[in-house]
Amino acid sequence: MKNAMWVVVVLVLGGIAAGYYYWQMQQVASTPPVAEAPPPPPPPKPEPQIRHPIQPPATPDEKPLPALGESDAAMAQTLTDFFGEKRVIDFFELKDIVRRFVVTVDNLPRKKVPMRYRLFRPVAGQFQVAGTDRDLTLKPENYRRYTPYVLLAQAVDVKMLVATYVHFYPLFQEEYKELGYPKGYFNDRLVEAIDDMLAAPEVKEPIRLERPNVLYQFYDPDLEALSAGQKILIRMGPENAARIKARLRALRHELTGQVPEQKGGAG
């Protein structure tokens, strides 16, 4: 019965197709050809909406920006003006600074930040753990390794930092496009990275670790699945993380004029 039904369906469709073909041939024979209008072009895809537009300064800086490929000297001098020469040499990688900054920001909400494009030099000292292979925990003494970076962040005037960021923003945006985001808006990505770090959870101590290969990782799979930025905050300890979150909130407020909601623990 099923085969008979399929035969009927095929015959009906065949009859309709044959009838349409015959009608079409009759139309061609009896009427002059008419030029067909081309189909309308597909509607253009809407441009991504900018969520956090950069506000231009009230008094534009008259100093012209360098070309992106020649910006290291200007960026290094700007960092030196903020932090001093010794701190800049000790803390920062000073080649391809704009690219390092943009790549770092773009990858903080992801699982890993590419080491070859990291903006900061590695944290001094050894990663400290306690316990045996089956009961490894993160030593609280490890948190002190991050204290110089926290002090560096707290020493910056947020208003001046944002004003400098706005001045150099065309370079950051140009680099962001070259990285593969021709319609992206870098400032939106920066705010996303800040919000992701602000959402980092508080973790009760002791923090368990494991070492499946050369590197340590969190024993709790939920912690290990967090973004690179959130795991950095956990590794630096709750007190340091709270201080960094406070600076991030101030930075976000200055960038957007909005006060972020407090999520994911203290800060």
Protein backbone atom coordinates (compact mmCIF):
# COMPACT_ATOMS: atom_id res chain seq x y z
CA MET A 1 0.00 0.00 0.00
CA LYS A 2 2.82 2.37 0.87
CA ASN A 3 4.51 1.66 -2.48
CA ALA A 4 1.23 2.34 -4.29
CA MET A 5 0.90 5.66 -2.47
CA TRP A 6 4.44 6.65 -3.52
CA VAL A 7 3.61 5.75 -7.14
CA VAL A 8 0.53 7.99 -6.99
CA VAL A 9 2.57 10.87 -5.53
CA VAL A 10 5.24 10.49 -8.23
CA LEU A 11 2.66 10.36 -10.98
CA VAL A 12 0.84 13.46 -9.68
CA LEU A 13 4.07 15.45 -9.36
CA GLY A 14 5.14 14.22 -12.80
CA GLY A 15 1.83 15.26 -14.31
CA ILE A 16 2.05 18.73 -12.73
CA ALA A 17 5.62 19.15 -13.95
CA ALA A 18 4.74 18.00 -17.46
CA GLY A 19 1.70 20.26 -17.59
CA TYR A 20 3.74 23.25 -16.41
CA TYR A 21 6.44 22.51 -18.99
CA TYR A 22 3.86 22.25 -21.78
CA TRP A 23 2.18 25.52 -20.67
CA GLN A 24 5.54 27.28 -20.56
CA MET A 25 6.40 26.12 -24.09
CA GLN A 26 3.02 27.34 -25.34
CA GLN A 27 3.65 30.75 -23.78
CA VAL A 28 7.02 31.00 -25.49
CA ALA A 29 5.51 30.11 -28.86
CA SER A 30 2.52 32.45 -28.64
CA THR A 31 3.93 35.59 -27.00
CA PRO A 32 7.00 37.68 -27.75
CA PRO A 33 9.84 37.32 -25.31
CA VAL A 34 9.78 39.78 -22.45
CA ALA A 35 12.92 40.74 -20.63
CA GLU A 36 12.72 39.59 -17.06
CA ALA A 37 13.55 42.06 -14.34
CA PRO A 38 16.55 40.96 -12.29
CA PRO A 39 15.70 39.79 -8.79
CA PRO A 40 16.03 42.47 -6.13
CA PRO A 41 19.34 42.40 -4.28
CA PRO A 42 19.24 40.94 -0.79
CA PRO A 43 18.86 43.54 1.93
CA PRO A 44 22.19 44.58 3.43
CA LYS A 45 23.06 43.09 6.77
CA PRO A 46 22.66 45.64 9.53
CA GLU A 47 25.88 47.03 10.91
CA PRO A 48 26.64 45.91 14.48
CA GLN A 49 25.26 48.47 16.89
CA ILE A 50 27.88 50.22 18.99
CA ARG A 51 26.92 49.75 22.63
CA HIS A 52 29.57 51.90 24.28
CA PRO A 53 30.64 54.71 21.95
CA ILE A 54 33.77 56.64 22.75
CA GLN A 55 33.04 60.17 23.87
CA PRO A 56 35.46 62.60 22.18
CA PRO A 57 37.30 64.95 24.55
CA ALA A 58 35.91 68.45 25.02
CA THR A 59 39.31 69.85 24.06
CA PRO A 60 40.88 67.70 21.34
CA ASP A 61 44.59 66.94 21.70
CA GLU A 62 46.46 68.80 18.99
CA LYS A 63 49.31 66.30 19.02
CA PRO A 64 48.83 64.02 15.98
CA LEU A 65 48.75 60.27 16.41
CA PRO A 66 51.61 58.19 15.01
CA ALA A 67 50.98 55.54 12.40
CA LEU A 68 50.04 52.18 13.91
CA GLY A 69 53.26 50.51 12.80
CA GLU A 70 55.33 53.32 14.30
CA SER A 71 53.44 53.76 17.57
CA ASP A 72 55.72 51.92 20.02
CA ALA A 73 57.79 54.97 20.94
CA ALA A 74 54.72 57.10 21.69
CA MET A 75 53.05 54.30 23.64
CA ALA A 76 56.20 53.56 25.67
CA GLN A 77 56.57 57.24 26.52
CA THR A 78 52.94 57.39 27.60
CA LEU A 79 53.40 54.38 29.87
CA THR A 80 56.53 56.00 31.30
CA ASP A 81 54.60 59.20 32.02
CA PHE A 82 52.08 57.16 33.99
CA PHE A 83 54.29 54.68 35.85
CA GLY A 84 57.90 55.80 35.60
CA GLU A 85 60.68 54.32 33.51
CA LYS A 86 61.76 51.56 35.91
CA ARG A 87 58.24 50.21 36.38
CA VAL A 88 57.64 50.24 32.65
CA ILE A 89 60.82 48.26 31.99
CA ASP A 90 60.04 45.84 34.83
CA PHE A 91 56.38 45.23 34.02
CA PHE A 92 55.68 45.75 30.32
CA GLU A 93 56.68 44.26 26.99
CA LEU A 94 57.60 47.26 24.86
CA LYS A 95 57.34 45.88 21.33
CA ASP A 96 54.05 45.95 19.40
CA ILE A 97 52.39 47.57 22.42
CA VAL A 98 49.09 48.40 20.72
CA ARG A 99 48.74 44.86 19.38
CA ARG A 100 49.60 43.34 22.74
CA PHE A 101 47.02 45.50 24.48
CA VAL A 102 44.29 44.73 21.97
CA VAL A 103 45.04 40.98 21.86
CA THR A 104 45.17 40.80 25.66
CA VAL A 105 41.83 42.58 26.08
CA ASP A 106 40.19 40.51 23.34
CA ASN A 107 41.28 37.23 24.93
CA LEU A 108 40.66 37.91 28.62
CA PRO A 109 37.04 36.70 28.32
CA ARG A 110 38.26 33.60 26.45
CA LYS A 111 39.99 30.53 27.84
CA LYS A 112 43.56 31.64 27.17
CA VAL A 113 45.58 34.76 26.42
CA PRO A 114 48.25 34.02 23.77
CA MET A 115 51.61 34.15 25.52
CA ARG A 116 53.38 35.61 22.50
CA TYR A 117 51.18 38.71 22.70
CA ARG A 118 51.01 39.21 26.44
CA LEU A 119 51.30 42.84 27.51
CA PHE A 120 52.85 42.24 30.94
CA ARG A 121 56.02 40.40 31.79
CA PRO A 122 55.62 37.15 33.75
CA VAL A 123 54.90 37.46 37.46
CA ALA A 124 58.10 37.23 39.49
CA GLY A 125 58.77 34.23 41.71
CA GLN A 126 57.64 30.63 41.58
CA PHE A 127 54.05 29.44 41.67
CA GLN A 128 53.64 28.13 45.22
CA VAL A 129 51.56 25.10 46.16
CA ALA A 130 51.13 23.00 49.28
CA GLY A 131 50.37 19.31 49.78
CA THR A 132 51.01 16.15 47.82
CA ASP A 133 50.12 15.23 44.27
CA ARG A 134 46.70 13.98 45.37
CA ASP A 135 45.96 16.89 47.70
CA LEU A 136 47.48 20.00 46.14
CA THR A 137 46.31 23.45 47.23
CA LEU A 138 47.26 26.98 46.31
CA LYS A 139 49.44 28.60 48.97
CA PRO A 140 48.17 32.00 50.18
CA GLU A 141 51.80 33.18 50.03
CA ASN A 142 51.42 32.99 46.25
CA TYR A 143 49.10 36.01 46.33
CA ARG A 144 51.96 38.34 47.26
CA ARG A 145 53.50 37.80 43.83
CA TYR A 146 50.64 39.83 42.35
CA THR A 147 50.75 42.70 44.85
CA PRO A 148 53.10 44.89 42.73
CA TYR A 149 50.60 44.72 39.85
CA VAL A 150 47.77 45.67 42.17
CA LEU A 151 49.74 48.64 43.49
CA LEU A 152 50.49 49.62 39.90
CA ALA A 153 46.78 49.63 39.09
CA GLN A 154 45.89 51.60 42.20
CA ALA A 155 48.50 54.26 41.45
CA VAL A 156 46.82 55.30 38.19
CA ASP A 157 44.44 58.24 37.98
CA VAL A 158 41.43 56.70 36.23
CA LYS A 159 40.28 59.93 34.58
CA MET A 160 43.73 60.55 33.10
CA LEU A 161 43.98 56.93 32.02
CA VAL A 162 40.66 57.07 30.16
CA ALA A 163 41.57 60.41 28.57
CA THR A 164 44.79 58.87 27.27
CA TYR A 165 42.93 55.79 26.07
CA VAL A 166 40.46 57.98 24.16
CA HIS A 167 43.33 59.90 22.57
CA PHE A 168 44.96 56.70 21.29
CA TYR A 169 41.68 54.94 20.56
CA PRO A 170 41.93 55.19 16.73
CA LEU A 171 45.06 53.03 16.93
CA PHE A 172 43.33 50.42 19.10
CA GLN A 173 40.36 50.34 16.76
CA GLU A 174 42.60 50.01 13.70
CA GLU A 175 44.47 47.12 15.29
CA TYR A 176 41.20 45.45 16.31
CA LYS A 177 40.03 45.53 12.71
CA GLU A 178 43.32 44.09 11.50
CA LEU A 179 42.94 41.22 13.95
CA GLY A 180 39.84 40.09 12.08
CA TYR A 181 37.00 42.26 13.34
CA PRO A 182 36.37 44.66 10.43
CA LYS A 183 32.96 45.64 11.81
CA GLY A 184 33.78 45.26 15.48
CA TYR A 185 34.15 48.07 17.99
CA PHE A 186 37.07 47.64 20.33
CA ASN A 187 35.66 49.69 23.19
CA ASP A 188 32.68 47.34 23.35
CA ARG A 189 35.09 44.43 23.68
CA LEU A 190 36.98 46.24 26.43
CA VAL A 191 33.77 46.73 28.42
CA GLU A 192 32.90 43.05 27.85
CA ALA A 193 36.29 42.05 29.25
CA ILE A 194 35.80 44.29 32.28
CA ASP A 195 32.32 42.89 32.93
CA ASP A 196 33.64 39.34 32.62
CA MET A 197 36.33 39.97 35.21
CA LEU A 198 33.88 41.70 37.55
CA ALA A 199 31.78 38.53 37.42
CA ALA A 200 34.66 36.38 38.70
CA PRO A 201 33.38 34.29 41.63
CA GLU A 202 34.67 34.33 45.18
CA VAL A 203 36.34 31.03 45.96
CA LYS A 204 36.61 29.63 49.45
CA GLU A 205 40.07 28.62 50.56
CA PRO A 206 41.90 26.34 50.37
CA ILE A 207 41.81 26.28 46.56
CA ARG A 208 42.50 22.77 45.33
CA LEU A 209 44.76 22.18 42.35
CA GLU A 210 45.81 19.31 40.16
CA ARG A 211 48.71 18.75 37.80
CA PRO A 212 47.68 16.52 34.90
CA ASN A 213 50.79 17.54 32.95
CA VAL A 214 53.44 20.22 33.31
CA LEU A 215 51.09 23.02 34.38
CA TYR A 216 48.86 23.27 37.42
CA GLN A 217 45.15 23.78 36.99
CA PHE A 218 42.13 24.09 39.25
CA TYR A 219 40.82 20.80 40.58
CA ASP A 220 37.23 22.06 40.40
CA PRO A 221 36.17 21.75 36.72
CA ASP A 222 33.86 24.76 37.10
CA LEU A 223 36.82 26.92 38.09
CA GLU A 224 39.01 25.51 35.35
CA ALA A 225 36.27 26.33 32.82
CA LEU A 226 36.31 30.03 33.74
CA SER A 227 37.76 32.66 31.43
CA ALA A 228 41.43 33.61 31.49
CA GLY A 229 40.64 36.94 33.16
CA GLN A 230 38.55 35.38 35.92
CA LYS A 231 41.20 32.74 36.67
CA ILE A 232 43.84 35.46 36.97
CA LEU A 233 41.74 37.15 39.67
CA ILE A 234 41.32 33.89 41.57
CA ARG A 235 45.05 33.15 41.43
CA MET A 236 45.93 36.56 42.86
CA GLY A 237 43.82 35.99 45.98
CA PRO A 238 40.59 37.52 47.33
CA GLU A 239 42.10 40.72 48.73
CA ASN A 240 44.02 41.56 45.56
CA ALA A 241 41.03 40.61 43.44
CA ALA A 242 38.77 42.94 45.42
CA ARG A 243 41.16 45.84 44.84
CA ILE A 244 41.41 45.13 41.13
CA LYS A 245 37.63 44.87 40.84
CA ALA A 246 37.26 48.26 42.51
CA ARG A 247 39.58 49.79 39.92
CA LEU A 248 37.75 48.02 37.10
CA ARG A 249 34.42 49.44 38.30
CA ALA A 250 35.90 52.92 38.39
CA LEU A 251 37.36 52.45 34.92
CA ARG A 252 34.07 51.16 33.53
CA HIS A 253 32.16 54.05 35.06
CA GLU A 254 34.57 56.56 33.54
CA LEU A 255 34.36 54.85 30.14
CA THR A 256 30.60 54.44 29.96
CA GLY A 257 29.02 56.71 32.56
CA GLN A 258 27.31 53.60 33.97
CA VAL A 259 27.74 52.01 37.37
CA PRO A 260 28.10 48.22 36.91
CA GLU A 261 26.08 45.83 39.04
CA GLN A 262 28.08 44.01 41.67
CA LYS A 263 28.07 40.34 40.69
CA GLY A 264 30.27 37.39 41.31
CA GLY A 265 31.51 38.22 44.77
CA ALA A 266 33.09 41.05 46.63
CA GLY A 267 35.07 43.77 45.03
